[in-house]
Amino acid sequence: MKKITNEVLCERLENFFRENKSDHEQIITQTTKTNGSVASLQKWRYQIMGALIVLNIFVVPIILFLVYRQLTP
């Protein structure tokens, strides 16, 4: 089995740290993009929820009233 010298070990650690830093930078970039996408999706979700609430408060009772009037003699 080969013995690893300090120079080889230091070189390997430096390469590892360099690659690790590069990977972290890519992850941070992707996370930033994803967070922006999620924020815009949440905005749409809140708008749709608001529209559904308005429909449930105003439109559904009117439709039910009209159906009731048609069904009763």
N, C-alpha and C. Protein backbone atom coordinates (compact mmCIF):
# COMPACT_ATOMS: atom_id res chain seq x y z
N MET A 1 0.84 -1.18 0.00
CA MET A 1 0.00 0.00 0.00
C MET A 1 0.89 1.25 0.00
N LYS A 2 0.54 2.22 -0.87
CA LYS A 2 1.34 3.45 -0.97
C LYS A 2 1.08 4.35 0.22
N LYS A 3 2.12 5.03 0.62
CA LYS A 3 1.96 6.04 1.66
C LYS A 3 1.73 7.38 0.97
N ILE A 4 0.82 8.15 1.53
CA ILE A 4 0.52 9.47 0.99
C ILE A 4 1.37 10.50 1.71
N THR A 5 2.03 11.33 0.92
CA THR A 5 2.86 12.38 1.51
C THR A 5 1.99 13.59 1.85
N ASN A 6 2.54 14.47 2.64
CA ASN A 6 1.81 15.68 3.00
C ASN A 6 1.51 16.54 1.79
N GLU A 7 2.43 16.60 0.84
CA GLU A 7 2.21 17.41 -0.35
C GLU A 7 1.02 16.88 -1.16
N VAL A 8 0.97 15.57 -1.31
CA VAL A 8 -0.13 14.96 -2.07
C VAL A 8 -1.44 15.18 -1.33
N LEU A 9 -1.42 15.02 -0.04
CA LEU A 9 -2.62 15.21 0.76
C LEU A 9 -3.10 16.66 0.68
N CYS A 10 -2.17 17.60 0.78
CA CYS A 10 -2.53 19.02 0.67
C CYS A 10 -3.11 19.34 -0.71
N GLU A 11 -2.51 18.78 -1.74
CA GLU A 11 -3.01 19.02 -3.10
C GLU A 11 -4.41 18.47 -3.26
N ARG A 12 -4.64 17.28 -2.75
CA ARG A 12 -5.97 16.68 -2.85
C ARG A 12 -7.01 17.49 -2.07
N LEU A 13 -6.63 17.96 -0.91
CA LEU A 13 -7.55 18.79 -0.13
C LEU A 13 -7.86 20.10 -0.84
N GLU A 14 -6.85 20.72 -1.42
CA GLU A 14 -7.07 21.97 -2.16
C GLU A 14 -8.01 21.74 -3.34
N ASN A 15 -7.79 20.64 -4.07
CA ASN A 15 -8.69 20.32 -5.19
C ASN A 15 -10.11 20.07 -4.69
N PHE A 16 -10.21 19.36 -3.59
CA PHE A 16 -11.53 19.09 -3.02
C PHE A 16 -12.23 20.37 -2.64
N PHE A 17 -11.53 21.28 -1.96
CA PHE A 17 -12.14 22.55 -1.55
C PHE A 17 -12.52 23.40 -2.76
N ARG A 18 -11.70 23.41 -3.79
CA ARG A 18 -11.99 24.17 -5.00
C ARG A 18 -13.25 23.63 -5.67
N GLU A 19 -13.34 22.31 -5.82
CA GLU A 19 -14.53 21.71 -6.44
C GLU A 19 -15.76 21.93 -5.57
N ASN A 20 -15.58 21.82 -4.26
CA ASN A 20 -16.69 22.01 -3.34
C ASN A 20 -17.22 23.44 -3.42
N LYS A 21 -16.31 24.41 -3.52
CA LYS A 21 -16.73 25.81 -3.63
C LYS A 21 -17.49 26.03 -4.93
N SER A 22 -17.01 25.44 -6.00
CA SER A 22 -17.70 25.56 -7.29
C SER A 22 -19.10 24.96 -7.21
N ASP A 23 -19.22 23.80 -6.60
CA ASP A 23 -20.53 23.16 -6.45
C ASP A 23 -21.46 24.02 -5.60
N HIS A 24 -20.94 24.59 -4.53
CA HIS A 24 -21.77 25.44 -3.68
C HIS A 24 -22.26 26.67 -4.42
N GLU A 25 -21.42 27.25 -5.24
CA GLU A 25 -21.83 28.43 -6.02
C GLU A 25 -22.95 28.06 -6.99
N GLN A 26 -22.85 26.91 -7.62
CA GLN A 26 -23.91 26.46 -8.53
C GLN A 26 -25.20 26.21 -7.77
N ILE A 27 -25.09 25.61 -6.60
CA ILE A 27 -26.28 25.34 -5.79
C ILE A 27 -26.94 26.64 -5.35
N ILE A 28 -26.15 27.61 -4.94
CA ILE A 28 -26.69 28.90 -4.51
C ILE A 28 -27.40 29.59 -5.68
N THR A 29 -26.81 29.53 -6.87
CA THR A 29 -27.43 30.13 -8.05
C THR A 29 -28.77 29.47 -8.34
N GLN A 30 -28.79 28.15 -8.32
CA GLN A 30 -30.04 27.43 -8.60
C GLN A 30 -31.08 27.69 -7.52
N THR A 31 -30.67 27.75 -6.28
CA THR A 31 -31.61 28.01 -5.18
C THR A 31 -32.23 29.39 -5.32
N THR A 32 -31.44 30.36 -5.72
CA THR A 32 -31.95 31.72 -5.91
C THR A 32 -33.01 31.73 -7.01
N LYS A 33 -32.76 31.04 -8.11
CA LYS A 33 -33.74 30.96 -9.20
C LYS A 33 -35.01 30.27 -8.72
N THR A 34 -34.86 29.17 -8.00
CA THR A 34 -36.01 28.41 -7.53
C THR A 34 -36.85 29.23 -6.56
N ASN A 35 -36.21 29.96 -5.66
CA ASN A 35 -36.95 30.77 -4.69
C ASN A 35 -37.77 31.83 -5.41
N GLY A 36 -37.24 32.41 -6.47
CA GLY A 36 -38.00 33.39 -7.24
C GLY A 36 -39.21 32.75 -7.90
N SER A 37 -39.04 31.54 -8.41
CA SER A 37 -40.16 30.84 -9.06
C SER A 37 -41.24 30.49 -8.04
N VAL A 38 -40.84 30.05 -6.88
CA VAL A 38 -41.80 29.67 -5.85
C VAL A 38 -42.57 30.90 -5.38
N ALA A 39 -41.89 32.02 -5.24
CA ALA A 39 -42.57 33.25 -4.81
C ALA A 39 -43.63 33.66 -5.82
N SER A 40 -43.33 33.56 -7.10
CA SER A 40 -44.32 33.94 -8.11
C SER A 40 -45.48 32.95 -8.14
N LEU A 41 -45.21 31.67 -7.88
CA LEU A 41 -46.29 30.69 -7.81
C LEU A 41 -47.18 30.93 -6.60
N GLN A 42 -46.61 31.34 -5.50
CA GLN A 42 -47.41 31.64 -4.32
C GLN A 42 -48.31 32.83 -4.58
N LYS A 43 -47.82 33.82 -5.32
CA LYS A 43 -48.63 34.98 -5.65
C LYS A 43 -49.86 34.55 -6.45
N TRP A 44 -49.64 33.70 -7.45
CA TRP A 44 -50.76 33.19 -8.24
C TRP A 44 -51.71 32.40 -7.37
N ARG A 45 -51.18 31.60 -6.47
CA ARG A 45 -52.02 30.78 -5.59
C ARG A 45 -52.93 31.67 -4.75
N TYR A 46 -52.39 32.74 -4.20
CA TYR A 46 -53.19 33.64 -3.38
C TYR A 46 -54.27 34.35 -4.21
N GLN A 47 -53.95 34.70 -5.44
CA GLN A 47 -54.94 35.34 -6.30
C GLN A 47 -56.07 34.38 -6.63
N ILE A 48 -55.72 33.14 -6.93
CA ILE A 48 -56.76 32.14 -7.25
C ILE A 48 -57.61 31.86 -6.02
N MET A 49 -56.98 31.76 -4.86
CA MET A 49 -57.75 31.53 -3.63
C MET A 49 -58.72 32.69 -3.38
N GLY A 50 -58.29 33.91 -3.61
CA GLY A 50 -59.17 35.06 -3.45
C GLY A 50 -60.34 35.01 -4.41
N ALA A 51 -60.08 34.64 -5.65
CA ALA A 51 -61.15 34.54 -6.63
C ALA A 51 -62.15 33.45 -6.24
N LEU A 52 -61.66 32.34 -5.74
CA LEU A 52 -62.56 31.27 -5.31
C LEU A 52 -63.42 31.69 -4.12
N ILE A 53 -62.84 32.46 -3.23
CA ILE A 53 -63.61 32.96 -2.09
C ILE A 53 -64.73 33.88 -2.55
N VAL A 54 -64.41 34.77 -3.49
CA VAL A 54 -65.43 35.69 -4.02
C VAL A 54 -66.53 34.89 -4.72
N LEU A 55 -66.15 33.87 -5.49
CA LEU A 55 -67.15 33.04 -6.15
C LEU A 55 -68.05 32.35 -5.13
N ASN A 56 -67.47 31.82 -4.08
CA ASN A 56 -68.26 31.13 -3.07
C ASN A 56 -69.19 32.07 -2.32
N ILE A 57 -68.81 33.30 -2.15
CA ILE A 57 -69.64 34.25 -1.41
C ILE A 57 -70.78 34.79 -2.27
N PHE A 58 -70.51 35.08 -3.54
CA PHE A 58 -71.51 35.76 -4.36
C PHE A 58 -72.16 34.87 -5.42
N VAL A 59 -71.38 34.18 -6.20
CA VAL A 59 -71.91 33.47 -7.37
C VAL A 59 -72.66 32.20 -6.98
N VAL A 60 -72.11 31.40 -6.11
CA VAL A 60 -72.74 30.13 -5.75
C VAL A 60 -74.12 30.35 -5.12
N PRO A 61 -74.30 31.29 -4.19
CA PRO A 61 -75.66 31.50 -3.65
C PRO A 61 -76.67 31.95 -4.71
N ILE A 62 -76.22 32.78 -5.64
CA ILE A 62 -77.14 33.23 -6.71
C ILE A 62 -77.55 32.05 -7.57
N ILE A 63 -76.60 31.20 -7.95
CA ILE A 63 -76.92 30.03 -8.76
C ILE A 63 -77.86 29.10 -8.00
N LEU A 64 -77.60 28.86 -6.74
CA LEU A 64 -78.47 28.00 -5.94
C LEU A 64 -79.89 28.59 -5.83
N PHE A 65 -79.98 29.89 -5.69
CA PHE A 65 -81.29 30.54 -5.63
C PHE A 65 -82.05 30.36 -6.94
N LEU A 66 -81.35 30.54 -8.06
CA LEU A 66 -82.00 30.37 -9.36
C LEU A 66 -82.44 28.93 -9.59
N VAL A 67 -81.64 27.98 -9.18
CA VAL A 67 -82.01 26.57 -9.31
C VAL A 67 -83.22 26.28 -8.42
N TYR A 68 -83.22 26.80 -7.23
CA TYR A 68 -84.35 26.59 -6.30
C TYR A 68 -85.64 27.16 -6.88
N ARG A 69 -85.56 28.34 -7.50
CA ARG A 69 -86.75 28.94 -8.11
C ARG A 69 -87.28 28.11 -9.26
N GLN A 70 -86.40 27.47 -10.00
CA GLN A 70 -86.83 26.67 -11.14
C GLN A 70 -87.47 25.35 -10.66
N LEU A 71 -86.99 24.83 -9.55
CA LEU A 71 -87.48 23.54 -9.08
C LEU A 71 -88.77 23.64 -8.27
N THR A 72 -89.02 24.77 -7.67
CA THR A 72 -90.24 24.90 -6.86
C THR A 72 -91.38 25.37 -7.76
N PRO A 73 -92.58 24.77 -7.55
CA PRO A 73 -93.74 25.15 -8.40
C PRO A 73 -94.35 26.48 -8.03
